[in-house]
Amino acid sequence: MKLLWSPDTATKAYIDTVRSCQVFNESGVAELVSAMAAGWNAKLIVETWSQGGAIATSIGLEVASRHTCRRHVCVVSDENARSEFITAMKEAADMNPEVLVGEPEEVMSELVGIDFMVVDCKRKDYARVLRQARLNQRGAVLVCKNANSKSDSGFRWRSVIDCGSRRVVRTVFLPVGKGIDMAHVSSCGGNSGSGSSKVEKKRWIKHYDQQSGEEHVIRK
């Protein structure tokens, strides 16, 4: 995915998230992901949420989706979590985001074309959720929050990406909150980065200078 950054949209989402999250004493994760999702004009924003978890990030993603006029979906494991999440979002920010209930294998099949996704590393199945994600063919940005709490110490981005058709363009770890681990995934069919899979064909062109009579050979 070619990241076409819109600083104006990102700034507006950031400011609105700051205002919406004033009641939370958190360290900027919500504002950061909101600005990123909005600035990159994410069309389908997906997140996972566990019962009893914080909702500031969810508010930020909902703010981003409103600025881009796109879709924001929260995935939860059961109806109890769904009810708690909807109530918390309504009370904290008067928001009513879309919520899907079920296991990753079931839910992710309904979400095709994800281009911005946030998972919580406190979930034991966060890596499995990433593997099941059906990403946008043009690429995607994946975010792991609470990265310092990863249950899988051997986690590698390449282990959750289909390296046969995609590649991890770049990764970055940010010391925001309890750690944010991010990856930019290439478009479907993107090359491995060690060299283009397609070899550009060269051809020789001959040009005769009629005035001097010289022959020039040019490789194009």
N, C-alpha and C. Protein backbone atom coordinates (compact mmCIF):
# COMPACT_ATOMS: atom_id res chain seq x y z
N MET A 1 0.84 -1.19 0.00
CA MET A 1 0.00 0.00 0.00
C MET A 1 0.88 1.24 0.00
N LYS A 2 0.64 2.13 -0.92
CA LYS A 2 1.37 3.39 -0.94
C LYS A 2 0.75 4.31 0.08
N LEU A 3 1.53 4.68 1.08
CA LEU A 3 1.00 5.51 2.16
C LEU A 3 0.91 6.96 1.74
N LEU A 4 -0.30 7.39 1.49
CA LEU A 4 -0.54 8.78 1.10
C LEU A 4 -0.99 9.53 2.35
N TRP A 5 -0.06 10.19 2.96
CA TRP A 5 -0.32 10.81 4.25
C TRP A 5 -1.06 12.13 4.11
N SER A 6 -2.12 12.29 4.91
CA SER A 6 -2.88 13.53 4.94
C SER A 6 -2.71 14.16 6.31
N PRO A 7 -1.78 15.10 6.46
CA PRO A 7 -1.53 15.70 7.77
C PRO A 7 -2.74 16.45 8.32
N ASP A 8 -3.54 17.02 7.45
CA ASP A 8 -4.70 17.77 7.91
C ASP A 8 -5.72 16.84 8.58
N THR A 9 -6.02 15.71 7.94
CA THR A 9 -6.98 14.75 8.50
C THR A 9 -6.42 14.14 9.77
N ALA A 10 -5.12 13.83 9.77
CA ALA A 10 -4.49 13.25 10.95
C ALA A 10 -4.57 14.20 12.14
N THR A 11 -4.31 15.47 11.89
CA THR A 11 -4.34 16.47 12.97
C THR A 11 -5.74 16.62 13.55
N LYS A 12 -6.73 16.66 12.67
CA LYS A 12 -8.12 16.80 13.15
C LYS A 12 -8.53 15.61 14.00
N ALA A 13 -8.17 14.41 13.55
CA ALA A 13 -8.50 13.21 14.31
C ALA A 13 -7.78 13.20 15.65
N TYR A 14 -6.54 13.62 15.64
CA TYR A 14 -5.74 13.67 16.88
C TYR A 14 -6.39 14.60 17.89
N ILE A 15 -6.74 15.80 17.45
CA ILE A 15 -7.32 16.80 18.36
C ILE A 15 -8.66 16.32 18.90
N ASP A 16 -9.50 15.75 18.03
CA ASP A 16 -10.81 15.27 18.48
C ASP A 16 -10.67 14.10 19.46
N THR A 17 -9.64 13.26 19.25
CA THR A 17 -9.42 12.15 20.17
C THR A 17 -8.95 12.65 21.53
N VAL A 18 -8.11 13.66 21.53
CA VAL A 18 -7.67 14.26 22.79
C VAL A 18 -8.88 14.76 23.58
N ARG A 19 -9.78 15.42 22.88
CA ARG A 19 -10.98 15.95 23.54
C ARG A 19 -11.88 14.83 24.05
N SER A 20 -12.02 13.77 23.24
CA SER A 20 -12.91 12.68 23.60
C SER A 20 -12.36 11.81 24.73
N CYS A 21 -11.04 11.81 24.88
CA CYS A 21 -10.40 10.94 25.87
C CYS A 21 -9.88 11.69 27.09
N GLN A 22 -10.41 12.88 27.33
CA GLN A 22 -9.95 13.68 28.46
C GLN A 22 -10.18 12.99 29.80
N VAL A 23 -11.19 12.12 29.86
CA VAL A 23 -11.51 11.46 31.13
C VAL A 23 -10.56 10.32 31.45
N PHE A 24 -9.73 9.92 30.46
CA PHE A 24 -8.82 8.80 30.68
C PHE A 24 -7.42 9.32 30.97
N ASN A 25 -6.78 8.69 31.92
CA ASN A 25 -5.39 9.06 32.23
C ASN A 25 -4.44 8.09 31.55
N GLU A 26 -4.39 8.17 30.22
CA GLU A 26 -3.53 7.27 29.45
C GLU A 26 -2.47 8.08 28.72
N SER A 27 -1.52 7.37 28.13
CA SER A 27 -0.32 8.05 27.63
C SER A 27 -0.23 8.16 26.11
N GLY A 28 -1.32 8.49 25.45
CA GLY A 28 -1.24 8.85 24.05
C GLY A 28 -1.44 7.78 23.00
N VAL A 29 -1.74 6.54 23.41
CA VAL A 29 -1.93 5.47 22.42
C VAL A 29 -3.14 5.76 21.55
N ALA A 30 -4.23 6.16 22.18
CA ALA A 30 -5.46 6.43 21.44
C ALA A 30 -5.26 7.53 20.41
N GLU A 31 -4.61 8.62 20.83
CA GLU A 31 -4.37 9.74 19.92
C GLU A 31 -3.47 9.34 18.75
N LEU A 32 -2.47 8.52 19.05
CA LEU A 32 -1.52 8.09 18.01
C LEU A 32 -2.18 7.24 16.95
N VAL A 33 -2.92 6.19 17.38
CA VAL A 33 -3.54 5.30 16.39
C VAL A 33 -4.65 6.01 15.63
N SER A 34 -5.32 6.94 16.30
CA SER A 34 -6.37 7.70 15.62
C SER A 34 -5.78 8.55 14.50
N ALA A 35 -4.69 9.24 14.81
CA ALA A 35 -4.03 10.07 13.79
C ALA A 35 -3.50 9.23 12.65
N MET A 36 -2.94 8.06 12.94
CA MET A 36 -2.41 7.20 11.89
C MET A 36 -3.51 6.67 10.98
N ALA A 37 -4.57 6.15 11.58
CA ALA A 37 -5.67 5.59 10.79
C ALA A 37 -6.32 6.65 9.90
N ALA A 38 -6.51 7.85 10.47
CA ALA A 38 -7.13 8.93 9.71
C ALA A 38 -6.17 9.49 8.68
N GLY A 39 -4.92 9.70 9.08
CA GLY A 39 -3.95 10.27 8.15
C GLY A 39 -3.69 9.41 6.94
N TRP A 40 -3.77 8.08 7.12
CA TRP A 40 -3.57 7.16 5.99
C TRP A 40 -4.88 6.80 5.31
N ASN A 41 -5.97 7.45 5.74
CA ASN A 41 -7.28 7.27 5.11
C ASN A 41 -7.67 5.80 5.05
N ALA A 42 -7.55 5.10 6.18
CA ALA A 42 -7.90 3.69 6.24
C ALA A 42 -9.39 3.50 5.93
N LYS A 43 -9.68 2.57 5.03
CA LYS A 43 -11.06 2.34 4.62
C LYS A 43 -11.78 1.34 5.51
N LEU A 44 -11.03 0.36 6.02
CA LEU A 44 -11.61 -0.62 6.93
C LEU A 44 -10.69 -0.76 8.14
N ILE A 45 -11.14 -0.22 9.26
CA ILE A 45 -10.37 -0.25 10.52
C ILE A 45 -10.94 -1.35 11.40
N VAL A 46 -10.10 -2.27 11.82
CA VAL A 46 -10.54 -3.40 12.65
C VAL A 46 -9.70 -3.45 13.92
N GLU A 47 -10.34 -3.75 15.03
CA GLU A 47 -9.63 -3.91 16.30
C GLU A 47 -10.20 -5.09 17.07
N THR A 48 -9.44 -5.61 18.03
CA THR A 48 -9.94 -6.63 18.94
C THR A 48 -10.03 -6.03 20.33
N TRP A 49 -11.01 -6.48 21.09
CA TRP A 49 -11.21 -5.96 22.44
C TRP A 49 -11.60 -7.10 23.36
N SER A 50 -11.03 -7.10 24.57
CA SER A 50 -11.33 -8.14 25.55
C SER A 50 -12.13 -7.54 26.70
N GLN A 51 -13.00 -8.34 27.28
CA GLN A 51 -13.85 -7.88 28.38
C GLN A 51 -13.01 -7.35 29.53
N GLY A 52 -13.36 -6.16 30.01
CA GLY A 52 -12.62 -5.54 31.09
C GLY A 52 -11.48 -4.66 30.61
N GLY A 53 -11.28 -4.59 29.29
CA GLY A 53 -10.18 -3.80 28.74
C GLY A 53 -10.50 -2.32 28.65
N ALA A 54 -9.46 -1.53 28.39
CA ALA A 54 -9.63 -0.09 28.22
C ALA A 54 -10.29 0.20 26.87
N ILE A 55 -10.96 1.34 26.78
CA ILE A 55 -11.66 1.67 25.53
C ILE A 55 -11.14 2.94 24.87
N ALA A 56 -10.10 3.54 25.42
CA ALA A 56 -9.58 4.79 24.85
C ALA A 56 -9.15 4.59 23.39
N THR A 57 -8.45 3.49 23.11
CA THR A 57 -8.01 3.22 21.74
C THR A 57 -9.20 3.05 20.81
N SER A 58 -10.24 2.40 21.32
CA SER A 58 -11.46 2.20 20.51
C SER A 58 -12.10 3.54 20.17
N ILE A 59 -12.11 4.46 21.13
CA ILE A 59 -12.66 5.79 20.87
C ILE A 59 -11.83 6.48 19.80
N GLY A 60 -10.52 6.36 19.89
CA GLY A 60 -9.65 6.99 18.89
C GLY A 60 -9.89 6.44 17.49
N LEU A 61 -10.09 5.15 17.38
CA LEU A 61 -10.32 4.54 16.06
C LEU A 61 -11.69 4.94 15.51
N GLU A 62 -12.67 5.08 16.40
CA GLU A 62 -13.99 5.52 15.96
C GLU A 62 -13.93 6.96 15.48
N VAL A 63 -13.17 7.78 16.16
CA VAL A 63 -12.98 9.17 15.72
C VAL A 63 -12.35 9.20 14.34
N ALA A 64 -11.33 8.36 14.13
CA ALA A 64 -10.65 8.31 12.84
C ALA A 64 -11.61 7.92 11.72
N SER A 65 -12.44 6.93 11.99
CA SER A 65 -13.38 6.47 10.96
C SER A 65 -14.40 7.55 10.60
N ARG A 66 -14.74 8.39 11.56
CA ARG A 66 -15.69 9.48 11.27
C ARG A 66 -15.04 10.56 10.41
N HIS A 67 -13.75 10.77 10.60
CA HIS A 67 -13.06 11.77 9.78
C HIS A 67 -12.83 11.28 8.35
N THR A 68 -12.70 9.99 8.18
CA THR A 68 -12.46 9.44 6.83
C THR A 68 -13.74 8.92 6.20
N CYS A 69 -14.84 8.94 6.99
CA CYS A 69 -16.14 8.42 6.52
C CYS A 69 -16.01 6.97 6.09
N ARG A 70 -15.26 6.21 6.87
CA ARG A 70 -15.02 4.80 6.57
C ARG A 70 -15.59 3.92 7.68
N ARG A 71 -15.24 2.64 7.66
CA ARG A 71 -15.82 1.65 8.56
C ARG A 71 -14.86 1.27 9.68
N HIS A 72 -15.37 1.23 10.89
CA HIS A 72 -14.61 0.80 12.07
C HIS A 72 -15.36 -0.35 12.72
N VAL A 73 -14.68 -1.50 12.88
CA VAL A 73 -15.30 -2.69 13.44
C VAL A 73 -14.49 -3.18 14.63
N CYS A 74 -15.17 -3.50 15.71
CA CYS A 74 -14.52 -4.07 16.90
C CYS A 74 -14.94 -5.53 17.01
N VAL A 75 -13.96 -6.41 17.19
CA VAL A 75 -14.21 -7.84 17.29
C VAL A 75 -14.08 -8.26 18.76
N VAL A 76 -15.12 -8.91 19.28
CA VAL A 76 -15.11 -9.40 20.66
C VAL A 76 -15.44 -10.89 20.66
N SER A 77 -15.17 -11.55 21.78
CA SER A 77 -15.29 -13.01 21.83
C SER A 77 -16.69 -13.53 22.12
N ASP A 78 -17.49 -12.76 22.89
CA ASP A 78 -18.82 -13.26 23.25
C ASP A 78 -19.80 -12.09 23.46
N GLU A 79 -21.05 -12.44 23.74
CA GLU A 79 -22.10 -11.43 23.89
C GLU A 79 -21.91 -10.58 25.14
N ASN A 80 -21.34 -11.16 26.20
CA ASN A 80 -21.09 -10.37 27.41
C ASN A 80 -20.09 -9.26 27.12
N ALA A 81 -19.04 -9.60 26.39
CA ALA A 81 -18.03 -8.60 26.02
C ALA A 81 -18.64 -7.55 25.11
N ARG A 82 -19.49 -7.97 24.22
CA ARG A 82 -20.16 -7.04 23.30
C ARG A 82 -21.00 -6.04 24.07
N SER A 83 -21.78 -6.53 25.01
CA SER A 83 -22.65 -5.66 25.81
C SER A 83 -21.83 -4.67 26.63
N GLU A 84 -20.75 -5.16 27.25
CA GLU A 84 -19.91 -4.29 28.06
C GLU A 84 -19.23 -3.22 27.21
N PHE A 85 -18.76 -3.62 26.03
CA PHE A 85 -18.07 -2.67 25.15
C PHE A 85 -19.01 -1.57 24.67
N ILE A 86 -20.18 -1.96 24.21
CA ILE A 86 -21.15 -0.98 23.70
C ILE A 86 -21.55 0.00 24.80
N THR A 87 -21.79 -0.51 26.01
CA THR A 87 -22.18 0.35 27.13
C THR A 87 -21.06 1.34 27.48
N ALA A 88 -19.82 0.84 27.51
CA ALA A 88 -18.68 1.69 27.86
C ALA A 88 -18.47 2.79 26.82
N MET A 89 -18.59 2.44 25.55
CA MET A 89 -18.40 3.43 24.49
C MET A 89 -19.50 4.49 24.52
N LYS A 90 -20.71 4.06 24.82
CA LYS A 90 -21.84 4.98 24.87
C LYS A 90 -21.69 5.95 26.04
N GLU A 91 -21.30 5.44 27.19
CA GLU A 91 -21.18 6.27 28.38
C GLU A 91 -19.98 7.22 28.31
N ALA A 92 -18.87 6.75 27.74
CA ALA A 92 -17.65 7.55 27.72
C ALA A 92 -17.64 8.60 26.62
N ALA A 93 -18.19 8.26 25.45
CA ALA A 93 -18.07 9.19 24.33
C ALA A 93 -19.31 9.28 23.45
N ASP A 94 -20.41 8.69 23.92
CA ASP A 94 -21.66 8.70 23.15
C ASP A 94 -21.43 8.16 21.74
N MET A 95 -20.73 7.01 21.66
CA MET A 95 -20.43 6.37 20.38
C MET A 95 -21.06 4.99 20.32
N ASN A 96 -21.41 4.57 19.12
CA ASN A 96 -22.03 3.26 18.94
C ASN A 96 -21.38 2.56 17.74
N PRO A 97 -20.14 2.08 17.89
CA PRO A 97 -19.43 1.46 16.78
C PRO A 97 -19.98 0.08 16.44
N GLU A 98 -19.61 -0.41 15.27
CA GLU A 98 -20.01 -1.74 14.83
C GLU A 98 -19.21 -2.79 15.61
N VAL A 99 -19.91 -3.82 16.08
CA VAL A 99 -19.26 -4.88 16.86
C VAL A 99 -19.62 -6.24 16.27
N LEU A 100 -18.61 -7.11 16.11
CA LEU A 100 -18.84 -8.47 15.65
C LEU A 100 -18.39 -9.43 16.74
N VAL A 101 -19.16 -10.49 16.93
CA VAL A 101 -18.89 -11.47 17.98
C VAL A 101 -18.48 -12.80 17.38
N GLY A 102 -17.42 -13.40 17.94
CA GLY A 102 -17.03 -14.73 17.48
C GLY A 102 -15.54 -14.96 17.52
N GLU A 103 -15.14 -16.17 17.15
CA GLU A 103 -13.74 -16.54 17.08
C GLU A 103 -13.10 -15.91 15.85
N PRO A 104 -11.78 -15.69 15.88
CA PRO A 104 -11.10 -15.04 14.75
C PRO A 104 -11.38 -15.69 13.40
N GLU A 105 -11.37 -17.04 13.37
CA GLU A 105 -11.58 -17.74 12.10
C GLU A 105 -12.95 -17.41 11.51
N GLU A 106 -13.94 -17.24 12.38
CA GLU A 106 -15.29 -16.96 11.91
C GLU A 106 -15.46 -15.50 11.51
N VAL A 107 -15.01 -14.63 12.38
CA VAL A 107 -15.25 -13.20 12.18
C VAL A 107 -14.42 -12.63 11.04
N MET A 108 -13.14 -13.01 10.97
CA MET A 108 -12.26 -12.42 9.96
C MET A 108 -12.70 -12.76 8.53
N SER A 109 -13.42 -13.85 8.36
CA SER A 109 -13.89 -14.21 7.03
C SER A 109 -14.91 -13.20 6.51
N GLU A 110 -15.53 -12.45 7.43
CA GLU A 110 -16.52 -11.45 7.06
C GLU A 110 -15.89 -10.08 6.79
N LEU A 111 -14.62 -9.94 7.17
CA LEU A 111 -13.96 -8.64 7.04
C LEU A 111 -12.87 -8.72 5.99
N VAL A 112 -13.25 -8.41 4.79
CA VAL A 112 -12.32 -8.51 3.65
C VAL A 112 -11.82 -7.12 3.28
N GLY A 113 -10.51 -6.99 3.17
CA GLY A 113 -9.95 -5.71 2.75
C GLY A 113 -9.52 -4.83 3.90
N ILE A 114 -9.06 -5.44 5.00
CA ILE A 114 -8.60 -4.67 6.16
C ILE A 114 -7.33 -3.90 5.78
N ASP A 115 -7.30 -2.61 6.05
CA ASP A 115 -6.07 -1.86 5.77
C ASP A 115 -5.51 -1.14 7.00
N PHE A 116 -6.19 -1.26 8.14
CA PHE A 116 -5.64 -0.77 9.40
C PHE A 116 -6.22 -1.63 10.52
N MET A 117 -5.32 -2.28 11.27
CA MET A 117 -5.79 -3.22 12.29
C MET A 117 -5.00 -3.05 13.58
N VAL A 118 -5.71 -3.08 14.70
CA VAL A 118 -5.09 -2.97 16.02
C VAL A 118 -5.48 -4.18 16.86
N VAL A 119 -4.47 -4.88 17.40
CA VAL A 119 -4.73 -6.01 18.29
C VAL A 119 -4.06 -5.75 19.62
N ASP A 120 -4.58 -6.39 20.65
CA ASP A 120 -4.05 -6.22 22.01
C ASP A 120 -3.18 -7.43 22.34
N CYS A 121 -1.91 -7.18 22.63
CA CYS A 121 -0.97 -8.27 22.92
C CYS A 121 -1.26 -8.96 24.24
N LYS A 122 -2.18 -8.43 25.03
CA LYS A 122 -2.57 -9.10 26.26
C LYS A 122 -3.44 -10.32 25.96
N ARG A 123 -4.02 -10.35 24.77
CA ARG A 123 -4.79 -11.52 24.34
C ARG A 123 -3.83 -12.64 23.97
N LYS A 124 -4.12 -13.84 24.42
CA LYS A 124 -3.24 -14.96 24.12
C LYS A 124 -3.28 -15.33 22.63
N ASP A 125 -4.38 -14.99 21.96
CA ASP A 125 -4.53 -15.38 20.56
C ASP A 125 -4.26 -14.24 19.59
N TYR A 126 -3.55 -13.21 20.04
CA TYR A 126 -3.37 -12.04 19.17
C TYR A 126 -2.65 -12.40 17.87
N ALA A 127 -1.67 -13.31 17.95
CA ALA A 127 -0.94 -13.70 16.74
C ALA A 127 -1.85 -14.46 15.78
N ARG A 128 -2.73 -15.28 16.33
CA ARG A 128 -3.68 -16.03 15.49
C ARG A 128 -4.66 -15.08 14.81
N VAL A 129 -5.06 -14.04 15.52
CA VAL A 129 -5.96 -13.04 14.93
C VAL A 129 -5.28 -12.38 13.73
N LEU A 130 -4.01 -12.03 13.89
CA LEU A 130 -3.28 -11.39 12.79
C LEU A 130 -3.17 -12.32 11.59
N ARG A 131 -2.94 -13.61 11.85
CA ARG A 131 -2.81 -14.58 10.75
C ARG A 131 -4.11 -14.73 9.97
N GLN A 132 -5.24 -14.61 10.68
CA GLN A 132 -6.55 -14.79 10.05
C GLN A 132 -7.04 -13.55 9.31
N ALA A 133 -6.39 -12.42 9.53
CA ALA A 133 -6.85 -11.16 8.92
C ALA A 133 -6.77 -11.21 7.40
N ARG A 134 -7.82 -10.79 6.75
CA ARG A 134 -7.86 -10.73 5.27
C ARG A 134 -7.56 -9.29 4.86
N LEU A 135 -6.31 -9.05 4.58
CA LEU A 135 -5.84 -7.69 4.35
C LEU A 135 -6.19 -7.17 2.98
N ASN A 136 -6.19 -5.85 2.88
CA ASN A 136 -6.42 -5.19 1.59
C ASN A 136 -5.33 -5.59 0.60
N GLN A 137 -5.71 -5.84 -0.62
CA GLN A 137 -4.74 -6.24 -1.64
C GLN A 137 -3.70 -5.15 -1.88
N ARG A 138 -4.04 -3.92 -1.55
CA ARG A 138 -3.11 -2.81 -1.75
C ARG A 138 -2.15 -2.63 -0.58
N GLY A 139 -2.33 -3.46 0.47
CA GLY A 139 -1.43 -3.37 1.61
C GLY A 139 -2.18 -3.00 2.88
N ALA A 140 -1.46 -2.97 4.00
CA ALA A 140 -2.12 -2.69 5.28
C ALA A 140 -1.11 -2.26 6.33
N VAL A 141 -1.63 -1.63 7.38
CA VAL A 141 -0.83 -1.27 8.54
C VAL A 141 -1.39 -2.06 9.73
N LEU A 142 -0.52 -2.81 10.40
CA LEU A 142 -0.91 -3.62 11.54
C LEU A 142 -0.26 -3.07 12.81
N VAL A 143 -1.04 -2.99 13.87
CA VAL A 143 -0.55 -2.40 15.12
C VAL A 143 -0.82 -3.35 16.28
N CYS A 144 0.22 -3.61 17.07
CA CYS A 144 0.07 -4.37 18.31
C CYS A 144 0.25 -3.41 19.48
N LYS A 145 -0.80 -3.21 20.26
CA LYS A 145 -0.66 -2.37 21.45
C LYS A 145 -0.34 -3.26 22.66
N ASN A 146 0.15 -2.64 23.73
CA ASN A 146 0.61 -3.40 24.90
C ASN A 146 1.67 -4.41 24.50
N ALA A 147 2.55 -3.98 23.60
CA ALA A 147 3.56 -4.89 23.06
C ALA A 147 4.54 -5.38 24.11
N ASN A 148 4.71 -4.63 25.19
CA ASN A 148 5.61 -5.07 26.26
C ASN A 148 5.03 -6.26 27.02
N SER A 149 3.74 -6.54 26.78
CA SER A 149 3.07 -7.63 27.50
C SER A 149 2.84 -8.84 26.61
N LYS A 150 3.57 -8.93 25.51
CA LYS A 150 3.36 -10.05 24.58
C LYS A 150 3.52 -11.39 25.28
N SER A 151 2.48 -12.23 25.11
CA SER A 151 2.54 -13.57 25.69
C SER A 151 3.48 -14.47 24.91
N ASP A 152 3.71 -14.13 23.64
CA ASP A 152 4.60 -14.91 22.78
C ASP A 152 5.90 -14.14 22.61
N SER A 153 6.92 -14.51 23.38
CA SER A 153 8.19 -13.79 23.32
C SER A 153 8.92 -13.99 22.00
N GLY A 154 8.54 -15.04 21.27
CA GLY A 154 9.21 -15.32 20.00
C GLY A 154 8.45 -14.77 18.81
N PHE A 155 7.52 -13.85 19.06
CA PHE A 155 6.71 -13.30 17.96
C PHE A 155 7.56 -12.57 16.94
N ARG A 156 7.32 -12.84 15.68
CA ARG A 156 7.94 -12.13 14.57
C ARG A 156 6.86 -11.79 13.54
N TRP A 157 6.92 -10.59 13.00
CA TRP A 157 5.91 -10.18 12.03
C TRP A 157 5.85 -11.13 10.84
N ARG A 158 7.00 -11.61 10.41
CA ARG A 158 7.02 -12.50 9.24
C ARG A 158 6.28 -13.81 9.50
N SER A 159 6.11 -14.15 10.77
CA SER A 159 5.43 -15.40 11.10
C SER A 159 3.91 -15.30 10.93
N VAL A 160 3.38 -14.10 10.83
CA VAL A 160 1.93 -13.93 10.69
C VAL A 160 1.54 -13.37 9.33
N ILE A 161 2.53 -13.13 8.48
CA ILE A 161 2.27 -12.60 7.14
C ILE A 161 2.52 -13.68 6.11
N ASP A 162 1.64 -13.77 5.12
CA ASP A 162 1.82 -14.73 4.04
C ASP A 162 2.97 -14.26 3.15
N CYS A 163 4.16 -14.79 3.43
CA CYS A 163 5.34 -14.33 2.70
C CYS A 163 5.35 -14.78 1.24
N GLY A 164 4.42 -15.67 0.90
CA GLY A 164 4.36 -16.11 -0.49
C GLY A 164 3.86 -15.03 -1.42
N SER A 165 2.99 -14.15 -0.90
CA SER A 165 2.41 -13.12 -1.75
C SER A 165 2.63 -11.70 -1.23
N ARG A 166 3.10 -11.58 0.02
CA ARG A 166 3.31 -10.27 0.61
C ARG A 166 4.67 -10.21 1.30
N ARG A 167 5.05 -9.01 1.68
CA ARG A 167 6.26 -8.85 2.46
C ARG A 167 6.05 -7.77 3.51
N VAL A 168 6.83 -7.82 4.55
CA VAL A 168 6.81 -6.77 5.57
C VAL A 168 7.74 -5.67 5.10
N VAL A 169 7.16 -4.54 4.76
CA VAL A 169 7.94 -3.43 4.21
C VAL A 169 8.83 -2.82 5.28
N ARG A 170 8.24 -2.55 6.45
CA ARG A 170 9.02 -1.98 7.56
C ARG A 170 8.28 -2.21 8.87
N THR A 171 9.02 -2.24 9.94
CA THR A 171 8.43 -2.37 11.27
C THR A 171 9.04 -1.30 12.17
N VAL A 172 8.31 -0.96 13.23
CA VAL A 172 8.82 0.02 14.17
C VAL A 172 8.20 -0.25 15.54
N PHE A 173 9.00 -0.08 16.58
CA PHE A 173 8.50 -0.19 17.95
C PHE A 173 8.53 1.20 18.57
N LEU A 174 7.40 1.61 19.13
CA LEU A 174 7.30 2.93 19.75
C LEU A 174 7.05 2.78 21.25
N PRO A 175 7.81 3.47 22.08
CA PRO A 175 7.64 3.40 23.54
C PRO A 175 6.48 4.27 24.02
N VAL A 176 5.32 4.03 23.47
CA VAL A 176 4.12 4.79 23.83
C VAL A 176 3.20 3.86 24.62
N GLY A 177 2.70 4.34 25.74
CA GLY A 177 1.88 3.48 26.57
C GLY A 177 2.71 2.30 27.06
N LYS A 178 2.19 1.10 26.86
CA LYS A 178 2.92 -0.12 27.22
C LYS A 178 3.57 -0.76 26.00
N GLY A 179 3.88 0.10 25.04
CA GLY A 179 4.59 -0.35 23.84
C GLY A 179 3.67 -0.56 22.65
N ILE A 180 4.07 -0.01 21.50
CA ILE A 180 3.34 -0.21 20.26
C ILE A 180 4.29 -0.80 19.22
N ASP A 181 3.93 -1.95 18.70
CA ASP A 181 4.72 -2.62 17.65
C ASP A 181 3.92 -2.53 16.36
N MET A 182 4.51 -1.91 15.33
CA MET A 182 3.79 -1.67 14.08
C MET A 182 4.49 -2.30 12.90
N ALA A 183 3.69 -2.67 11.90
CA ALA A 183 4.25 -3.22 10.66
C ALA A 183 3.45 -2.70 9.47
N HIS A 184 4.17 -2.33 8.43
CA HIS A 184 3.55 -1.96 7.16
C HIS A 184 3.72 -3.14 6.22
N VAL A 185 2.60 -3.70 5.75
CA VAL A 185 2.61 -4.88 4.90
C VAL A 185 2.39 -4.45 3.45
N SER A 186 3.14 -5.04 2.54
CA SER A 186 3.09 -4.65 1.14
C SER A 186 1.78 -5.07 0.48
N SER A 187 1.59 -4.61 -0.72
CA SER A 187 0.44 -5.03 -1.52
C SER A 187 0.60 -6.49 -1.89
N CYS A 188 -0.48 -7.12 -2.27
CA CYS A 188 -0.45 -8.53 -2.66
C CYS A 188 0.42 -8.69 -3.90
N GLY A 189 1.40 -9.59 -3.79
CA GLY A 189 2.31 -9.77 -4.91
C GLY A 189 3.54 -8.90 -4.83
N GLY A 190 3.68 -8.15 -3.70
CA GLY A 190 4.85 -7.28 -3.52
C GLY A 190 6.12 -8.11 -3.48
N ASN A 191 7.23 -7.53 -3.97
CA ASN A 191 8.47 -8.29 -4.00
C ASN A 191 9.09 -8.37 -2.62
N SER A 192 10.10 -9.19 -2.48
CA SER A 192 10.70 -9.49 -1.19
C SER A 192 11.61 -8.41 -0.66
N GLY A 193 11.91 -7.43 -1.48
CA GLY A 193 12.75 -6.34 -1.03
C GLY A 193 14.22 -6.57 -1.32
N SER A 194 14.64 -7.81 -1.66
CA SER A 194 16.03 -8.10 -1.95
C SER A 194 16.35 -7.93 -3.42
N GLY A 195 15.31 -7.48 -4.15
CA GLY A 195 15.50 -7.31 -5.58
C GLY A 195 14.19 -7.55 -6.27
N SER A 196 13.97 -6.93 -7.38
CA SER A 196 12.69 -7.08 -8.07
C SER A 196 12.56 -8.47 -8.65
N SER A 197 11.34 -9.03 -8.57
CA SER A 197 11.10 -10.35 -9.12
C SER A 197 10.98 -10.30 -10.64
N LYS A 198 10.79 -9.10 -11.15
CA LYS A 198 10.71 -8.93 -12.59
C LYS A 198 11.97 -8.23 -13.09
N VAL A 199 12.61 -8.84 -14.03
CA VAL A 199 13.83 -8.27 -14.58
C VAL A 199 13.46 -7.37 -15.75
N GLU A 200 13.83 -6.15 -15.62
CA GLU A 200 13.52 -5.18 -16.67
C GLU A 200 14.36 -5.47 -17.91
N LYS A 201 13.70 -5.65 -19.02
CA LYS A 201 14.40 -5.96 -20.27
C LYS A 201 15.03 -4.71 -20.86
N LYS A 202 16.27 -4.83 -21.25
CA LYS A 202 16.98 -3.74 -21.88
C LYS A 202 17.06 -3.98 -23.39
N ARG A 203 17.13 -2.92 -24.14
CA ARG A 203 17.31 -3.06 -25.58
C ARG A 203 18.27 -2.00 -26.10
N TRP A 204 18.96 -2.38 -27.19
CA TRP A 204 19.95 -1.49 -27.80
C TRP A 204 19.32 -0.73 -28.96
N ILE A 205 19.59 0.55 -29.00
CA ILE A 205 19.06 1.40 -30.07
C ILE A 205 20.23 2.03 -30.83
N LYS A 206 20.18 1.90 -32.14
CA LYS A 206 21.23 2.50 -32.98
C LYS A 206 20.74 3.83 -33.55
N HIS A 207 21.60 4.82 -33.49
CA HIS A 207 21.26 6.13 -34.03
C HIS A 207 22.40 6.62 -34.91
N TYR A 208 22.07 6.99 -36.16
CA TYR A 208 23.07 7.48 -37.10
C TYR A 208 22.99 9.00 -37.19
N ASP A 209 24.11 9.64 -36.98
CA ASP A 209 24.20 11.08 -37.10
C ASP A 209 24.52 11.38 -38.56
N GLN A 210 23.54 11.91 -39.28
CA GLN A 210 23.71 12.14 -40.72
C GLN A 210 24.76 13.20 -41.04
N GLN A 211 24.96 14.12 -40.14
CA GLN A 211 25.94 15.17 -40.41
C GLN A 211 27.37 14.67 -40.23
N SER A 212 27.60 13.91 -39.16
CA SER A 212 28.97 13.45 -38.91
C SER A 212 29.23 12.06 -39.46
N GLY A 213 28.14 11.32 -39.75
CA GLY A 213 28.30 9.96 -40.23
C GLY A 213 28.61 8.97 -39.13
N GLU A 214 28.57 9.40 -37.87
CA GLU A 214 28.88 8.53 -36.76
C GLU A 214 27.66 7.70 -36.35
N GLU A 215 27.96 6.52 -35.81
CA GLU A 215 26.92 5.62 -35.33
C GLU A 215 26.94 5.62 -33.80
N HIS A 216 25.80 5.90 -33.18
CA HIS A 216 25.71 5.90 -31.72
C HIS A 216 24.82 4.72 -31.27
N VAL A 217 25.31 3.95 -30.34
CA VAL A 217 24.56 2.82 -29.80
C VAL A 217 24.15 3.16 -28.37
N ILE A 218 22.85 3.13 -28.11
CA ILE A 218 22.29 3.53 -26.81
C ILE A 218 21.53 2.34 -26.22
N ARG A 219 21.80 2.06 -24.94
CA ARG A 219 21.04 1.01 -24.26
C ARG A 219 19.90 1.65 -23.50
N LYS A 220 18.71 1.21 -23.78
CA LYS A 220 17.52 1.82 -23.17
C LYS A 220 16.72 0.78 -22.40
